[in-house]
Amino acid sequence: ERLEGVAVTHIGAVVAKGVGVELVHAHGRVTPLLPTGFRHF
């Protein structure tokens, strides 16, 4: 749960290429996350 005093939090899973990024809500509902924000490159 902690490494060197820092909390470790599981935030997701890497799945097959092409699936995209999804948010899984606490109650199980899944919504896609679309790219937003600043593009650095």
PDB file of all heavy atoms in Angstrom:
ATOM      1  N   GLU A   1       0.827  -1.217   0.000  1.00  0.00           N
ATOM      2  CA  GLU A   1       0.000   0.000   0.000  1.00  0.00           C
ATOM      3  C   GLU A   1       0.855   1.258   0.000  1.00  0.00           C
ATOM      4  O   GLU A   1       0.393   2.315  -0.395  1.00  0.00           O
ATOM      5  CB  GLU A   1      -0.934   0.000   1.204  1.00  0.00           C
ATOM      6  CG  GLU A   1      -2.029  -1.043   1.106  1.00  0.00           C
ATOM      7  CD  GLU A   1      -2.989  -0.976   2.276  1.00  0.00           C
ATOM      8  OE1 GLU A   1      -3.011   0.048   2.987  1.00  0.00           O
ATOM      9  OE2 GLU A   1      -3.728  -1.948   2.468  1.00  0.00           O
ATOM     10  N   ARG A   2       2.107   1.113   0.457  1.00  0.00           N
ATOM     11  CA  ARG A   2       3.021   2.250   0.494  1.00  0.00           C
ATOM     12  C   ARG A   2       4.416   1.792   0.075  1.00  0.00           C
ATOM     13  O   ARG A   2       4.831   0.689   0.389  1.00  0.00           O
ATOM     14  CB  ARG A   2       3.084   2.852   1.893  1.00  0.00           C
ATOM     15  CG  ARG A   2       1.736   3.353   2.384  1.00  0.00           C
ATOM     16  CD  ARG A   2       1.840   4.056   3.728  1.00  0.00           C
ATOM     17  NE  ARG A   2       2.288   5.422   3.636  1.00  0.00           N
ATOM     18  CZ  ARG A   2       1.555   6.437   3.186  1.00  0.00           C
ATOM     19  NH1 ARG A   2       0.333   6.231   2.769  1.00  0.00           N
ATOM     20  NH2 ARG A   2       2.021   7.662   3.142  1.00  0.00           N
ATOM     21  N   LEU A   3       5.144   2.662  -0.634  1.00  0.00           N
ATOM     22  CA  LEU A   3       6.549   2.433  -0.987  1.00  0.00           C
ATOM     23  C   LEU A   3       7.339   3.634  -0.489  1.00  0.00           C
ATOM     24  O   LEU A   3       7.042   4.768  -0.879  1.00  0.00           O
ATOM     25  CB  LEU A   3       6.727   2.300  -2.498  1.00  0.00           C
ATOM     26  CG  LEU A   3       6.235   1.025  -3.152  1.00  0.00           C
ATOM     27  CD1 LEU A   3       6.303   1.142  -4.674  1.00  0.00           C
ATOM     28  CD2 LEU A   3       7.063  -0.162  -2.696  1.00  0.00           C
ATOM     29  N   GLU A   4       8.314   3.386   0.359  1.00  0.00           N
ATOM     30  CA  GLU A   4       9.138   4.473   0.905  1.00  0.00           C
ATOM     31  C   GLU A   4       8.269   5.580   1.502  1.00  0.00           C
ATOM     32  O   GLU A   4       8.569   6.761   1.367  1.00  0.00           O
ATOM     33  CB  GLU A   4      10.062   5.042  -0.168  1.00  0.00           C
ATOM     34  CG  GLU A   4      11.024   4.036  -0.755  1.00  0.00           C
ATOM     35  CD  GLU A   4      12.087   3.595   0.245  1.00  0.00           C
ATOM     36  OE1 GLU A   4      12.502   4.407   1.081  1.00  0.00           O
ATOM     37  OE2 GLU A   4      12.483   2.417   0.172  1.00  0.00           O
ATOM     38  N   GLY A   5       7.155   5.199   2.122  1.00  0.00           N
ATOM     39  CA  GLY A   5       6.281   6.172   2.773  1.00  0.00           C
ATOM     40  C   GLY A   5       5.272   6.845   1.854  1.00  0.00           C
ATOM     41  O   GLY A   5       4.490   7.683   2.286  1.00  0.00           O
ATOM     42  N   VAL A   6       5.290   6.505   0.572  1.00  0.00           N
ATOM     43  CA  VAL A   6       4.381   7.128  -0.403  1.00  0.00           C
ATOM     44  C   VAL A   6       3.276   6.133  -0.758  1.00  0.00           C
ATOM     45  O   VAL A   6       3.555   4.974  -1.077  1.00  0.00           O
ATOM     46  CB  VAL A   6       5.142   7.552  -1.681  1.00  0.00           C
ATOM     47  CG1 VAL A   6       4.193   8.136  -2.715  1.00  0.00           C
ATOM     48  CG2 VAL A   6       6.254   8.533  -1.334  1.00  0.00           C
ATOM     49  N   ALA A   7       2.023   6.591  -0.714  1.00  0.00           N
ATOM     50  CA  ALA A   7       0.888   5.722  -1.030  1.00  0.00           C
ATOM     51  C   ALA A   7       0.949   5.249  -2.480  1.00  0.00           C
ATOM     52  O   ALA A   7       1.307   6.012  -3.378  1.00  0.00           O
ATOM     53  CB  ALA A   7      -0.422   6.459  -0.784  1.00  0.00           C
ATOM     54  N   VAL A   8       0.622   3.986  -2.700  1.00  0.00           N
ATOM     55  CA  VAL A   8       0.536   3.402  -4.038  1.00  0.00           C
ATOM     56  C   VAL A   8      -0.943   3.186  -4.344  1.00  0.00           C
ATOM     57  O   VAL A   8      -1.652   2.563  -3.569  1.00  0.00           O
ATOM     58  CB  VAL A   8       1.291   2.054  -4.104  1.00  0.00           C
ATOM     59  CG1 VAL A   8       1.105   1.395  -5.457  1.00  0.00           C
ATOM     60  CG2 VAL A   8       2.769   2.261  -3.801  1.00  0.00           C
ATOM     61  N   THR A   9      -1.406   3.724  -5.467  1.00  0.00           N
ATOM     62  CA  THR A   9      -2.816   3.634  -5.835  1.00  0.00           C
ATOM     63  C   THR A   9      -2.966   2.988  -7.198  1.00  0.00           C
ATOM     64  O   THR A   9      -2.375   3.452  -8.176  1.00  0.00           O
ATOM     65  CB  THR A   9      -3.454   5.042  -5.876  1.00  0.00           C
ATOM     66  OG1 THR A   9      -3.242   5.677  -4.618  1.00  0.00           O
ATOM     67  CG2 THR A   9      -4.937   4.966  -6.156  1.00  0.00           C
ATOM     68  N   HIS A  10      -3.749   1.931  -7.282  1.00  0.00           N
ATOM     69  CA  HIS A  10      -4.051   1.289  -8.564  1.00  0.00           C
ATOM     70  C   HIS A  10      -5.067   2.169  -9.287  1.00  0.00           C
ATOM     71  O   HIS A  10      -6.136   2.461  -8.744  1.00  0.00           O
ATOM     72  CB  HIS A  10      -4.629  -0.109  -8.321  1.00  0.00           C
ATOM     73  CG  HIS A  10      -5.020  -0.807  -9.578  1.00  0.00           C
ATOM     74  ND1 HIS A  10      -6.325  -1.050  -9.902  1.00  0.00           N
ATOM     75  CD2 HIS A  10      -4.274  -1.299 -10.588  1.00  0.00           C
ATOM     76  CE1 HIS A  10      -6.369  -1.667 -11.068  1.00  0.00           C
ATOM     77  NE2 HIS A  10      -5.142  -1.827 -11.493  1.00  0.00           N
ATOM     78  N   ILE A  11      -4.732   2.622 -10.491  1.00  0.00           N
ATOM     79  CA  ILE A  11      -5.628   3.537 -11.192  1.00  0.00           C
ATOM     80  C   ILE A  11      -6.222   2.963 -12.469  1.00  0.00           C
ATOM     81  O   ILE A  11      -7.059   3.602 -13.097  1.00  0.00           O
ATOM     82  CB  ILE A  11      -4.942   4.883 -11.522  1.00  0.00           C
ATOM     83  CG1 ILE A  11      -3.748   4.667 -12.453  1.00  0.00           C
ATOM     84  CG2 ILE A  11      -4.540   5.602 -10.252  1.00  0.00           C
ATOM     85  CD1 ILE A  11      -3.240   5.936 -13.074  1.00  0.00           C
ATOM     86  N   GLY A  12      -5.818   1.779 -12.882  1.00  0.00           N
ATOM     87  CA  GLY A  12      -6.396   1.248 -14.108  1.00  0.00           C
ATOM     88  C   GLY A  12      -5.626   0.076 -14.654  1.00  0.00           C
ATOM     89  O   GLY A  12      -4.783  -0.505 -13.987  1.00  0.00           O
ATOM     90  N   ALA A  13      -5.933  -0.256 -15.900  1.00  0.00           N
ATOM     91  CA  ALA A  13      -5.313  -1.390 -16.565  1.00  0.00           C
ATOM     92  C   ALA A  13      -5.022  -1.035 -18.013  1.00  0.00           C
ATOM     93  O   ALA A  13      -5.778  -0.294 -18.642  1.00  0.00           O
ATOM     94  CB  ALA A  13      -6.238  -2.604 -16.516  1.00  0.00           C
ATOM     95  N   VAL A  14      -3.934  -1.558 -18.531  1.00  0.00           N
ATOM     96  CA  VAL A  14      -3.599  -1.401 -19.945  1.00  0.00           C
ATOM     97  C   VAL A  14      -4.231  -2.584 -20.664  1.00  0.00           C
ATOM     98  O   VAL A  14      -4.047  -3.733 -20.271  1.00  0.00           O
ATOM     99  CB  VAL A  14      -2.072  -1.389 -20.152  1.00  0.00           C
ATOM    100  CG1 VAL A  14      -1.735  -1.303 -21.630  1.00  0.00           C
ATOM    101  CG2 VAL A  14      -1.452  -0.239 -19.373  1.00  0.00           C
ATOM    102  N   VAL A  15      -4.981  -2.284 -21.712  1.00  0.00           N
ATOM    103  CA  VAL A  15      -5.680  -3.322 -22.463  1.00  0.00           C
ATOM    104  C   VAL A  15      -5.279  -3.271 -23.929  1.00  0.00           C
ATOM    105  O   VAL A  15      -4.439  -2.477 -24.308  1.00  0.00           O
ATOM    106  CB  VAL A  15      -7.217  -3.180 -22.301  1.00  0.00           C
ATOM    107  CG1 VAL A  15      -7.626  -3.401 -20.852  1.00  0.00           C
ATOM    108  CG2 VAL A  15      -7.685  -1.821 -22.760  1.00  0.00           C
ATOM    109  N   ALA A  16      -5.907  -4.069 -24.741  1.00  0.00           N
ATOM    110  CA  ALA A  16      -5.556  -4.192 -26.154  1.00  0.00           C
ATOM    111  C   ALA A  16      -5.535  -2.841 -26.869  1.00  0.00           C
ATOM    112  O   ALA A  16      -6.342  -1.960 -26.601  1.00  0.00           O
ATOM    113  CB  ALA A  16      -6.534  -5.121 -26.850  1.00  0.00           C
ATOM    114  N   LYS A  17      -4.601  -2.714 -27.795  1.00  0.00           N
ATOM    115  CA  LYS A  17      -4.473  -1.504 -28.609  1.00  0.00           C
ATOM    116  C   LYS A  17      -5.781  -1.219 -29.329  1.00  0.00           C
ATOM    117  O   LYS A  17      -6.440  -2.131 -29.819  1.00  0.00           O
ATOM    118  CB  LYS A  17      -3.342  -1.688 -29.622  1.00  0.00           C
ATOM    119  CG  LYS A  17      -3.093  -0.475 -30.480  1.00  0.00           C
ATOM    120  CD  LYS A  17      -1.928  -0.723 -31.413  1.00  0.00           C
ATOM    121  CE  LYS A  17      -1.706   0.475 -32.307  1.00  0.00           C
ATOM    122  NZ  LYS A  17      -0.598   0.255 -33.224  1.00  0.00           N
ATOM    123  N   GLY A  18      -6.146   0.047 -29.388  1.00  0.00           N
ATOM    124  CA  GLY A  18      -7.332   0.448 -30.120  1.00  0.00           C
ATOM    125  C   GLY A  18      -8.589   0.540 -29.286  1.00  0.00           C
ATOM    126  O   GLY A  18      -9.610   0.990 -29.761  1.00  0.00           O
ATOM    127  N   VAL A  19      -8.518   0.156 -28.019  1.00  0.00           N
ATOM    128  CA  VAL A  19      -9.702   0.204 -27.171  1.00  0.00           C
ATOM    129  C   VAL A  19     -10.004   1.629 -26.744  1.00  0.00           C
ATOM    130  O   VAL A  19     -11.146   2.009 -26.588  1.00  0.00           O
ATOM    131  CB  VAL A  19      -9.529  -0.728 -25.943  1.00  0.00           C
ATOM    132  CG1 VAL A  19     -10.648  -0.551 -24.959  1.00  0.00           C
ATOM    133  CG2 VAL A  19      -9.432  -2.167 -26.404  1.00  0.00           C
ATOM    134  N   GLY A  20      -8.990   2.454 -26.565  1.00  0.00           N
ATOM    135  CA  GLY A  20      -9.175   3.825 -26.126  1.00  0.00           C
ATOM    136  C   GLY A  20      -9.047   3.930 -24.618  1.00  0.00           C
ATOM    137  O   GLY A  20      -8.595   3.013 -23.950  1.00  0.00           O
ATOM    138  N   VAL A  21      -9.436   5.066 -24.096  1.00  0.00           N
ATOM    139  CA  VAL A  21      -9.361   5.310 -22.657  1.00  0.00           C
ATOM    140  C   VAL A  21     -10.776   5.452 -22.126  1.00  0.00           C
ATOM    141  O   VAL A  21     -11.576   6.204 -22.678  1.00  0.00           O
ATOM    142  CB  VAL A  21      -8.541   6.581 -22.352  1.00  0.00           C
ATOM    143  CG1 VAL A  21      -8.493   6.848 -20.854  1.00  0.00           C
ATOM    144  CG2 VAL A  21      -7.139   6.458 -22.918  1.00  0.00           C
ATOM    145  N   GLU A  22     -11.066   4.712 -21.080  1.00  0.00           N
ATOM    146  CA  GLU A  22     -12.409   4.735 -20.500  1.00  0.00           C
ATOM    147  C   GLU A  22     -12.322   4.999 -19.007  1.00  0.00           C
ATOM    148  O   GLU A  22     -11.371   4.597 -18.351  1.00  0.00           O
ATOM    149  CB  GLU A  22     -13.123   3.404 -20.716  1.00  0.00           C
ATOM    150  CG  GLU A  22     -13.327   3.050 -22.171  1.00  0.00           C
ATOM    151  CD  GLU A  22     -13.915   1.668 -22.352  1.00  0.00           C
ATOM    152  OE1 GLU A  22     -13.611   0.768 -21.543  1.00  0.00           O
ATOM    153  OE2 GLU A  22     -14.683   1.502 -23.305  1.00  0.00           O
ATOM    154  N   LEU A  23     -13.331   5.673 -18.492  1.00  0.00           N
ATOM    155  CA  LEU A  23     -13.470   5.901 -17.057  1.00  0.00           C
ATOM    156  C   LEU A  23     -14.495   4.915 -16.534  1.00  0.00           C
ATOM    157  O   LEU A  23     -15.618   4.862 -17.033  1.00  0.00           O
ATOM    158  CB  LEU A  23     -13.935   7.331 -16.787  1.00  0.00           C
ATOM    159  CG  LEU A  23     -14.243   7.684 -15.335  1.00  0.00           C
ATOM    160  CD1 LEU A  23     -12.999   7.548 -14.470  1.00  0.00           C
ATOM    161  CD2 LEU A  23     -14.808   9.086 -15.249  1.00  0.00           C
ATOM    162  N   VAL A  24     -14.081   4.096 -15.563  1.00  0.00           N
ATOM    163  CA  VAL A  24     -15.000   3.155 -14.932  1.00  0.00           C
ATOM    164  C   VAL A  24     -15.403   3.768 -13.601  1.00  0.00           C
ATOM    165  O   VAL A  24     -14.576   3.924 -12.700  1.00  0.00           O
ATOM    166  CB  VAL A  24     -14.350   1.773 -14.727  1.00  0.00           C
ATOM    167  CG1 VAL A  24     -15.340   0.821 -14.074  1.00  0.00           C
ATOM    168  CG2 VAL A  24     -13.855   1.206 -16.055  1.00  0.00           C
ATOM    169  N   HIS A  25     -16.662   4.141 -13.477  1.00  0.00           N
ATOM    170  CA  HIS A  25     -17.173   4.785 -12.270  1.00  0.00           C
ATOM    171  C   HIS A  25     -17.303   3.770 -11.137  1.00  0.00           C
ATOM    172  O   HIS A  25     -17.346   2.551 -11.371  1.00  0.00           O
ATOM    173  CB  HIS A  25     -18.534   5.423 -12.558  1.00  0.00           C
ATOM    174  CG  HIS A  25     -18.467   6.467 -13.630  1.00  0.00           C
ATOM    175  ND1 HIS A  25     -18.304   7.803 -13.364  1.00  0.00           N
ATOM    176  CD2 HIS A  25     -18.511   6.352 -14.982  1.00  0.00           C
ATOM    177  CE1 HIS A  25     -18.270   8.479 -14.499  1.00  0.00           C
ATOM    178  NE2 HIS A  25     -18.392   7.623 -15.501  1.00  0.00           N
ATOM    179  N   ALA A  26     -17.354   4.250  -9.903  1.00  0.00           N
ATOM    180  CA  ALA A  26     -17.419   3.381  -8.721  1.00  0.00           C
ATOM    181  C   ALA A  26     -18.584   2.403  -8.794  1.00  0.00           C
ATOM    182  O   ALA A  26     -18.476   1.272  -8.339  1.00  0.00           O
ATOM    183  CB  ALA A  26     -17.515   4.232  -7.462  1.00  0.00           C
ATOM    184  N   HIS A  27     -19.700   2.807  -9.385  1.00  0.00           N
ATOM    185  CA  HIS A  27     -20.877   1.936  -9.471  1.00  0.00           C
ATOM    186  C   HIS A  27     -20.868   1.061 -10.726  1.00  0.00           C
ATOM    187  O   HIS A  27     -21.835   0.348 -10.977  1.00  0.00           O
ATOM    188  CB  HIS A  27     -22.148   2.774  -9.385  1.00  0.00           C
ATOM    189  CG  HIS A  27     -22.251   3.811 -10.463  1.00  0.00           C
ATOM    190  ND1 HIS A  27     -21.551   4.988 -10.416  1.00  0.00           N
ATOM    191  CD2 HIS A  27     -22.938   3.829 -11.613  1.00  0.00           C
ATOM    192  CE1 HIS A  27     -21.822   5.701 -11.501  1.00  0.00           C
ATOM    193  NE2 HIS A  27     -22.658   5.019 -12.248  1.00  0.00           N
ATOM    194  N   GLY A  28     -19.772   1.113 -11.510  1.00  0.00           N
ATOM    195  CA  GLY A  28     -19.627   0.213 -12.652  1.00  0.00           C
ATOM    196  C   GLY A  28     -19.912   0.802 -14.016  1.00  0.00           C
ATOM    197  O   GLY A  28     -19.594   0.196 -15.027  1.00  0.00           O
ATOM    198  N   ARG A  29     -20.506   1.981 -14.092  1.00  0.00           N
ATOM    199  CA  ARG A  29     -20.784   2.602 -15.393  1.00  0.00           C
ATOM    200  C   ARG A  29     -19.467   2.981 -16.070  1.00  0.00           C
ATOM    201  O   ARG A  29     -18.541   3.445 -15.428  1.00  0.00           O
ATOM    202  CB  ARG A  29     -21.650   3.845 -15.210  1.00  0.00           C
ATOM    203  CG  ARG A  29     -22.076   4.486 -16.528  1.00  0.00           C
ATOM    204  CD  ARG A  29     -23.113   5.578 -16.301  1.00  0.00           C
ATOM    205  NE  ARG A  29     -22.636   6.635 -15.462  1.00  0.00           N
ATOM    206  CZ  ARG A  29     -22.233   7.846 -15.892  1.00  0.00           C
ATOM    207  NH1 ARG A  29     -22.291   8.133 -17.173  1.00  0.00           N
ATOM    208  NH2 ARG A  29     -21.795   8.746 -15.050  1.00  0.00           N
ATOM    209  N   VAL A  30     -19.380   2.768 -17.371  1.00  0.00           N
ATOM    210  CA  VAL A  30     -18.169   3.058 -18.142  1.00  0.00           C
ATOM    211  C   VAL A  30     -18.476   4.165 -19.134  1.00  0.00           C
ATOM    212  O   VAL A  30     -19.468   4.103 -19.863  1.00  0.00           O
ATOM    213  CB  VAL A  30     -17.684   1.798 -18.898  1.00  0.00           C
ATOM    214  CG1 VAL A  30     -16.473   2.107 -19.746  1.00  0.00           C
ATOM    215  CG2 VAL A  30     -17.398   0.670 -17.916  1.00  0.00           C
ATOM    216  N   THR A  31     -17.614   5.193 -19.168  1.00  0.00           N
ATOM    217  CA  THR A  31     -17.765   6.263 -20.153  1.00  0.00           C
ATOM    218  C   THR A  31     -16.426   6.484 -20.853  1.00  0.00           C
ATOM    219  O   THR A  31     -15.371   6.404 -20.218  1.00  0.00           O
ATOM    220  CB  THR A  31     -18.221   7.588 -19.502  1.00  0.00           C
ATOM    221  OG1 THR A  31     -17.319   7.932 -18.454  1.00  0.00           O
ATOM    222  CG2 THR A  31     -19.617   7.490 -18.949  1.00  0.00           C
ATOM    223  N   PRO A  32     -16.447   6.732 -22.169  1.00  0.00           N
ATOM    224  CA  PRO A  32     -15.194   6.979 -22.883  1.00  0.00           C
ATOM    225  C   PRO A  32     -14.625   8.340 -22.487  1.00  0.00           C
ATOM    226  O   PRO A  32     -15.366   9.277 -22.197  1.00  0.00           O
ATOM    227  CB  PRO A  32     -15.611   6.966 -24.352  1.00  0.00           C
ATOM    228  CG  PRO A  32     -17.065   7.265 -24.352  1.00  0.00           C
ATOM    229  CD  PRO A  32     -17.610   6.773 -23.050  1.00  0.00           C
ATOM    230  N   LEU A  33     -13.300   8.432 -22.466  1.00  0.00           N
ATOM    231  CA  LEU A  33     -12.624   9.710 -22.225  1.00  0.00           C
ATOM    232  C   LEU A  33     -12.037  10.173 -23.545  1.00  0.00           C
ATOM    233  O   LEU A  33     -11.187   9.499 -24.130  1.00  0.00           O
ATOM    234  CB  LEU A  33     -11.520   9.546 -21.182  1.00  0.00           C
ATOM    235  CG  LEU A  33     -11.983   9.234 -19.770  1.00  0.00           C
ATOM    236  CD1 LEU A  33     -10.779   9.036 -18.854  1.00  0.00           C
ATOM    237  CD2 LEU A  33     -12.863  10.336 -19.236  1.00  0.00           C
ATOM    238  N   LEU A  34     -12.493  11.298 -24.005  1.00  0.00           N
ATOM    239  CA  LEU A  34     -12.013  11.849 -25.265  1.00  0.00           C
ATOM    240  C   LEU A  34     -10.805  12.739 -25.010  1.00  0.00           C
ATOM    241  O   LEU A  34     -10.698  13.365 -23.956  1.00  0.00           O
ATOM    242  CB  LEU A  34     -13.134  12.646 -25.930  1.00  0.00           C
ATOM    243  CG  LEU A  34     -14.415  11.840 -26.200  1.00  0.00           C
ATOM    244  CD1 LEU A  34     -15.507  12.747 -26.738  1.00  0.00           C
ATOM    245  CD2 LEU A  34     -14.125  10.687 -27.142  1.00  0.00           C
ATOM    246  N   PRO A  35      -9.874  12.822 -25.956  1.00  0.00           N
ATOM    247  CA  PRO A  35      -8.701  13.684 -25.774  1.00  0.00           C
ATOM    248  C   PRO A  35      -9.131  15.137 -25.609  1.00  0.00           C
ATOM    249  O   PRO A  35      -9.937  15.648 -26.384  1.00  0.00           O
ATOM    250  CB  PRO A  35      -7.919  13.494 -27.077  1.00  0.00           C
ATOM    251  CG  PRO A  35      -8.436  12.253 -27.691  1.00  0.00           C
ATOM    252  CD  PRO A  35      -9.859  12.122 -27.229  1.00  0.00           C
ATOM    253  N   THR A  36      -8.599  15.788 -24.589  1.00  0.00           N
ATOM    254  CA  THR A  36      -8.853  17.208 -24.354  1.00  0.00           C
ATOM    255  C   THR A  36      -7.585  17.851 -23.842  1.00  0.00           C
ATOM    256  O   THR A  36      -6.611  17.170 -23.553  1.00  0.00           O
ATOM    257  CB  THR A  36      -9.972  17.425 -23.301  1.00  0.00           C
ATOM    258  OG1 THR A  36      -9.546  16.857 -22.067  1.00  0.00           O
ATOM    259  CG2 THR A  36     -11.281  16.798 -23.713  1.00  0.00           C
ATOM    260  N   GLY A  37      -7.604  19.134 -23.708  1.00  0.00           N
ATOM    261  CA  GLY A  37      -6.478  19.827 -23.109  1.00  0.00           C
ATOM    262  C   GLY A  37      -5.406  20.197 -24.113  1.00  0.00           C
ATOM    263  O   GLY A  37      -5.587  20.121 -25.324  1.00  0.00           O
ATOM    264  N   PHE A  38      -4.275  20.598 -23.605  1.00  0.00           N
ATOM    265  CA  PHE A  38      -3.162  21.097 -24.396  1.00  0.00           C
ATOM    266  C   PHE A  38      -2.393  19.975 -25.068  1.00  0.00           C
ATOM    267  O   PHE A  38      -2.063  18.984 -24.425  1.00  0.00           O
ATOM    268  CB  PHE A  38      -2.231  21.893 -23.476  1.00  0.00           C
ATOM    269  CG  PHE A  38      -1.078  22.532 -24.184  1.00  0.00           C
ATOM    270  CD1 PHE A  38      -1.268  23.681 -24.935  1.00  0.00           C
ATOM    271  CD2 PHE A  38       0.185  21.988 -24.093  1.00  0.00           C
ATOM    272  CE1 PHE A  38      -0.212  24.267 -25.599  1.00  0.00           C
ATOM    273  CE2 PHE A  38       1.255  22.568 -24.740  1.00  0.00           C
ATOM    274  CZ  PHE A  38       1.053  23.713 -25.493  1.00  0.00           C
ATOM    275  N   ARG A  39      -2.108  20.113 -26.352  1.00  0.00           N
ATOM    276  CA  ARG A  39      -1.258  19.146 -27.065  1.00  0.00           C
ATOM    277  C   ARG A  39       0.172  19.669 -27.030  1.00  0.00           C
ATOM    278  O   ARG A  39       0.478  20.698 -27.616  1.00  0.00           O
ATOM    279  CB  ARG A  39      -1.709  18.992 -28.516  1.00  0.00           C
ATOM    280  CG  ARG A  39      -2.970  18.161 -28.641  1.00  0.00           C
ATOM    281  CD  ARG A  39      -3.259  17.846 -30.100  1.00  0.00           C
ATOM    282  NE  ARG A  39      -2.251  17.007 -30.690  1.00  0.00           N
ATOM    283  CZ  ARG A  39      -2.311  15.666 -30.749  1.00  0.00           C
ATOM    284  NH1 ARG A  39      -3.348  15.047 -30.243  1.00  0.00           N
ATOM    285  NH2 ARG A  39      -1.363  14.971 -31.323  1.00  0.00           N
ATOM    286  N   HIS A  40       1.049  18.961 -26.359  1.00  0.00           N
ATOM    287  CA  HIS A  40       2.424  19.404 -26.181  1.00  0.00           C
ATOM    288  C   HIS A  40       3.252  19.246 -27.448  1.00  0.00           C
ATOM    289  O   HIS A  40       4.187  20.009 -27.675  1.00  0.00           O
ATOM    290  CB  HIS A  40       3.084  18.628 -25.043  1.00  0.00           C
ATOM    291  CG  HIS A  40       2.448  18.895 -23.723  1.00  0.00           C
ATOM    292  ND1 HIS A  40       2.807  19.944 -22.930  1.00  0.00           N
ATOM    293  CD2 HIS A  40       1.441  18.274 -23.084  1.00  0.00           C
ATOM    294  CE1 HIS A  40       2.086  19.960 -21.834  1.00  0.00           C
ATOM    295  NE2 HIS A  40       1.227  18.942 -21.906  1.00  0.00           N
ATOM    296  N   PHE A  41       2.938  18.235 -28.271  1.00  0.00           N
ATOM    297  CA  PHE A  41       3.761  17.977 -29.462  1.00  0.00           C
ATOM    298  C   PHE A  41       2.883  17.821 -30.672  1.00  0.00           C
ATOM    299  O   PHE A  41       1.827  17.343 -30.663  1.00  0.00           O
ATOM    300  CB  PHE A  41       4.588  16.706 -29.274  1.00  0.00           C
ATOM    301  CG  PHE A  41       5.424  16.756 -28.032  1.00  0.00           C
ATOM    302  CD1 PHE A  41       5.029  16.100 -26.880  1.00  0.00           C
ATOM    303  CD2 PHE A  41       6.603  17.476 -28.025  1.00  0.00           C
ATOM    304  CE1 PHE A  41       5.792  16.139 -25.734  1.00  0.00           C
ATOM    305  CE2 PHE A  41       7.375  17.520 -26.875  1.00  0.00           C
ATOM    306  CZ  PHE A  41       6.972  16.850 -25.727  1.00  0.00           C
TER     307      PHE A  41
END
